[in-house]
Amino acid sequence: MKIIVKTKPGAKDNKIEKVDEANYIVHVKEPPINGRANAALIKLLADYFDISPSLIEIVSGFMARVKVIEINN
Protein backbone atom coordinates (compact mmCIF):
# COMPACT_ATOMS: atom_id res chain seq x y z
CA MET A 1 0.00 0.00 0.00
CA LYS A 2 1.31 3.46 -0.87
CA ILE A 3 0.35 6.56 1.06
CA ILE A 4 1.24 10.23 0.68
CA VAL A 5 2.44 11.90 3.87
CA LYS A 6 2.92 15.60 4.50
CA THR A 7 5.39 15.87 7.36
CA LYS A 8 5.67 18.68 9.85
CA PRO A 9 9.04 18.26 11.63
CA GLY A 10 9.85 20.15 14.82
CA ALA A 11 6.23 20.01 16.00
CA LYS A 12 5.19 20.29 19.63
CA ASP A 13 3.64 16.79 19.71
CA ASN A 14 3.83 13.60 17.67
CA LYS A 15 0.52 12.95 15.95
CA ILE A 16 -1.03 11.61 12.76
CA GLU A 17 -4.01 13.20 11.01
CA LYS A 18 -5.78 11.09 8.39
CA VAL A 19 -6.99 13.28 5.51
CA ASP A 20 -8.37 10.39 3.42
CA GLU A 21 -7.46 6.78 2.63
CA ALA A 22 -4.15 7.64 0.98
CA ASN A 23 -3.19 11.03 2.47
CA TYR A 24 -1.92 11.77 5.96
CA ILE A 25 -0.44 14.73 7.82
CA VAL A 26 2.18 13.65 10.35
CA HIS A 27 3.62 15.93 13.04
CA VAL A 28 6.95 14.78 14.53
CA LYS A 29 8.94 16.38 17.35
CA GLU A 30 12.32 15.61 15.80
CA PRO A 31 14.04 18.25 13.67
CA PRO A 32 14.87 17.49 10.01
CA ILE A 33 18.58 17.00 10.75
CA ASN A 34 20.53 13.86 9.73
CA GLY A 35 17.34 11.90 8.99
CA ARG A 36 16.03 12.14 12.55
CA ALA A 37 12.59 13.36 11.44
CA ASN A 38 12.35 10.53 8.89
CA ALA A 39 13.25 7.93 11.53
CA ALA A 40 10.62 9.38 13.88
CA LEU A 41 8.09 9.37 11.02
CA ILE A 42 8.69 5.67 10.31
CA LYS A 43 8.40 4.77 13.99
CA LEU A 44 5.19 6.77 14.37
CA LEU A 45 3.63 5.20 11.26
CA ALA A 46 4.63 1.72 12.47
CA ASP A 47 2.84 2.36 15.77
CA TYR A 48 -0.20 3.79 13.96
CA PHE A 49 -0.55 0.81 11.58
CA ASP A 50 0.59 -1.68 14.27
CA ILE A 51 3.37 -3.16 12.12
CA SER A 52 7.15 -3.44 12.28
CA PRO A 53 9.13 -0.35 11.22
CA SER A 54 11.09 -2.55 8.82
CA LEU A 55 7.93 -2.90 6.68
CA ILE A 56 7.79 0.87 6.03
CA GLU A 57 9.92 2.51 3.35
CA ILE A 58 10.18 6.09 2.11
CA VAL A 59 9.88 5.70 -1.67
CA SER A 60 10.29 9.36 -2.62
CA GLY A 61 10.64 12.70 -0.91
CA PHE A 62 13.35 11.70 1.55
CA MET A 63 14.45 15.34 1.87
CA ALA A 64 11.04 16.91 1.19
CA ARG A 65 8.03 17.52 3.41
CA VAL A 66 5.70 15.57 1.10
CA LYS A 67 6.73 11.92 0.94
CA VAL A 68 5.47 8.76 -0.71
CA ILE A 69 5.57 5.89 1.77
CA GLU A 70 5.36 2.19 0.88
CA ILE A 71 3.81 -0.03 3.57
CA ASN A 72 4.33 -3.76 3.06
CA ASN A 73 1.81 -5.80 5.02
C-alpha atoms as a PDB file:
ATOM      1  CA  MET A   1       0.000   0.000   0.000  1.00  0.00           C
ATOM      2  CA  LYS A   2       1.309   3.457  -0.874  1.00  0.00           C
ATOM      3  CA  ILE A   3       0.350   6.564   1.060  1.00  0.00           C
ATOM      4  CA  ILE A   4       1.237  10.229   0.680  1.00  0.00           C
ATOM      5  CA  VAL A   5       2.442  11.900   3.865  1.00  0.00           C
ATOM      6  CA  LYS A   6       2.918  15.597   4.496  1.00  0.00           C
ATOM      7  CA  THR A   7       5.389  15.872   7.362  1.00  0.00           C
ATOM      8  CA  LYS A   8       5.673  18.684   9.853  1.00  0.00           C
ATOM      9  CA  PRO A   9       9.045  18.262  11.630  1.00  0.00           C
ATOM     10  CA  GLY A  10       9.851  20.147  14.819  1.00  0.00           C
ATOM     11  CA  ALA A  11       6.232  20.007  16.002  1.00  0.00           C
ATOM     12  CA  LYS A  12       5.189  20.295  19.630  1.00  0.00           C
ATOM     13  CA  ASP A  13       3.642  16.794  19.714  1.00  0.00           C
ATOM     14  CA  ASN A  14       3.835  13.597  17.673  1.00  0.00           C
ATOM     15  CA  LYS A  15       0.516  12.953  15.949  1.00  0.00           C
ATOM     16  CA  ILE A  16      -1.034  11.613  12.764  1.00  0.00           C
ATOM     17  CA  GLU A  17      -4.009  13.204  11.006  1.00  0.00           C
ATOM     18  CA  LYS A  18      -5.783  11.094   8.395  1.00  0.00           C
ATOM     19  CA  VAL A  19      -6.993  13.276   5.507  1.00  0.00           C
ATOM     20  CA  ASP A  20      -8.370  10.388   3.423  1.00  0.00           C
ATOM     21  CA  GLU A  21      -7.465   6.778   2.630  1.00  0.00           C
ATOM     22  CA  ALA A  22      -4.153   7.642   0.979  1.00  0.00           C
ATOM     23  CA  ASN A  23      -3.190  11.031   2.472  1.00  0.00           C
ATOM     24  CA  TYR A  24      -1.919  11.770   5.961  1.00  0.00           C
ATOM     25  CA  ILE A  25      -0.439  14.731   7.817  1.00  0.00           C
ATOM     26  CA  VAL A  26       2.182  13.653  10.351  1.00  0.00           C
ATOM     27  CA  HIS A  27       3.622  15.926  13.042  1.00  0.00           C
ATOM     28  CA  VAL A  28       6.945  14.777  14.535  1.00  0.00           C
ATOM     29  CA  LYS A  29       8.937  16.379  17.350  1.00  0.00           C
ATOM     30  CA  GLU A  30      12.320  15.607  15.801  1.00  0.00           C
ATOM     31  CA  PRO A  31      14.044  18.255  13.671  1.00  0.00           C
ATOM     32  CA  PRO A  32      14.875  17.495  10.014  1.00  0.00           C
ATOM     33  CA  ILE A  33      18.577  16.995  10.750  1.00  0.00           C
ATOM     34  CA  ASN A  34      20.533  13.862   9.735  1.00  0.00           C
ATOM     35  CA  GLY A  35      17.343  11.904   8.989  1.00  0.00           C
ATOM     36  CA  ARG A  36      16.032  12.142  12.554  1.00  0.00           C
ATOM     37  CA  ALA A  37      12.587  13.356  11.439  1.00  0.00           C
ATOM     38  CA  ASN A  38      12.347  10.527   8.888  1.00  0.00           C
ATOM     39  CA  ALA A  39      13.246   7.925  11.532  1.00  0.00           C
ATOM     40  CA  ALA A  40      10.623   9.378  13.879  1.00  0.00           C
ATOM     41  CA  LEU A  41       8.093   9.368  11.024  1.00  0.00           C
ATOM     42  CA  ILE A  42       8.691   5.674  10.307  1.00  0.00           C
ATOM     43  CA  LYS A  43       8.403   4.767  13.988  1.00  0.00           C
ATOM     44  CA  LEU A  44       5.188   6.775  14.372  1.00  0.00           C
ATOM     45  CA  LEU A  45       3.628   5.199  11.264  1.00  0.00           C
ATOM     46  CA  ALA A  46       4.631   1.725  12.470  1.00  0.00           C
ATOM     47  CA  ASP A  47       2.839   2.357  15.768  1.00  0.00           C
ATOM     48  CA  TYR A  48      -0.205   3.790  13.964  1.00  0.00           C
ATOM     49  CA  PHE A  49      -0.555   0.815  11.583  1.00  0.00           C
ATOM     50  CA  ASP A  50       0.588  -1.681  14.271  1.00  0.00           C
ATOM     51  CA  ILE A  51       3.368  -3.160  12.122  1.00  0.00           C
ATOM     52  CA  SER A  52       7.146  -3.440  12.282  1.00  0.00           C
ATOM     53  CA  PRO A  53       9.133  -0.347  11.225  1.00  0.00           C
ATOM     54  CA  SER A  54      11.094  -2.553   8.818  1.00  0.00           C
ATOM     55  CA  LEU A  55       7.927  -2.896   6.682  1.00  0.00           C
ATOM     56  CA  ILE A  56       7.791   0.868   6.034  1.00  0.00           C
ATOM     57  CA  GLU A  57       9.920   2.507   3.353  1.00  0.00           C
ATOM     58  CA  ILE A  58      10.184   6.088   2.108  1.00  0.00           C
ATOM     59  CA  VAL A  59       9.879   5.701  -1.674  1.00  0.00           C
ATOM     60  CA  SER A  60      10.294   9.359  -2.617  1.00  0.00           C
ATOM     61  CA  GLY A  61      10.640  12.704  -0.909  1.00  0.00           C
ATOM     62  CA  PHE A  62      13.355  11.702   1.555  1.00  0.00           C
ATOM     63  CA  MET A  63      14.455  15.341   1.866  1.00  0.00           C
ATOM     64  CA  ALA A  64      11.043  16.911   1.194  1.00  0.00           C
ATOM     65  CA  ARG A  65       8.032  17.518   3.413  1.00  0.00           C
ATOM     66  CA  VAL A  66       5.703  15.572   1.102  1.00  0.00           C
ATOM     67  CA  LYS A  67       6.728  11.919   0.942  1.00  0.00           C
ATOM     68  CA  VAL A  68       5.474   8.761  -0.711  1.00  0.00           C
ATOM     69  CA  ILE A  69       5.573   5.885   1.765  1.00  0.00           C
ATOM     70  CA  GLU A  70       5.355   2.185   0.884  1.00  0.00           C
ATOM     71  CA  ILE A  71       3.809  -0.034   3.565  1.00  0.00           C
ATOM     72  CA  ASN A  72       4.332  -3.759   3.057  1.00  0.00           C
ATOM     73  CA  ASN A  73       1.808  -5.802   5.016  1.00  0.00           C
END
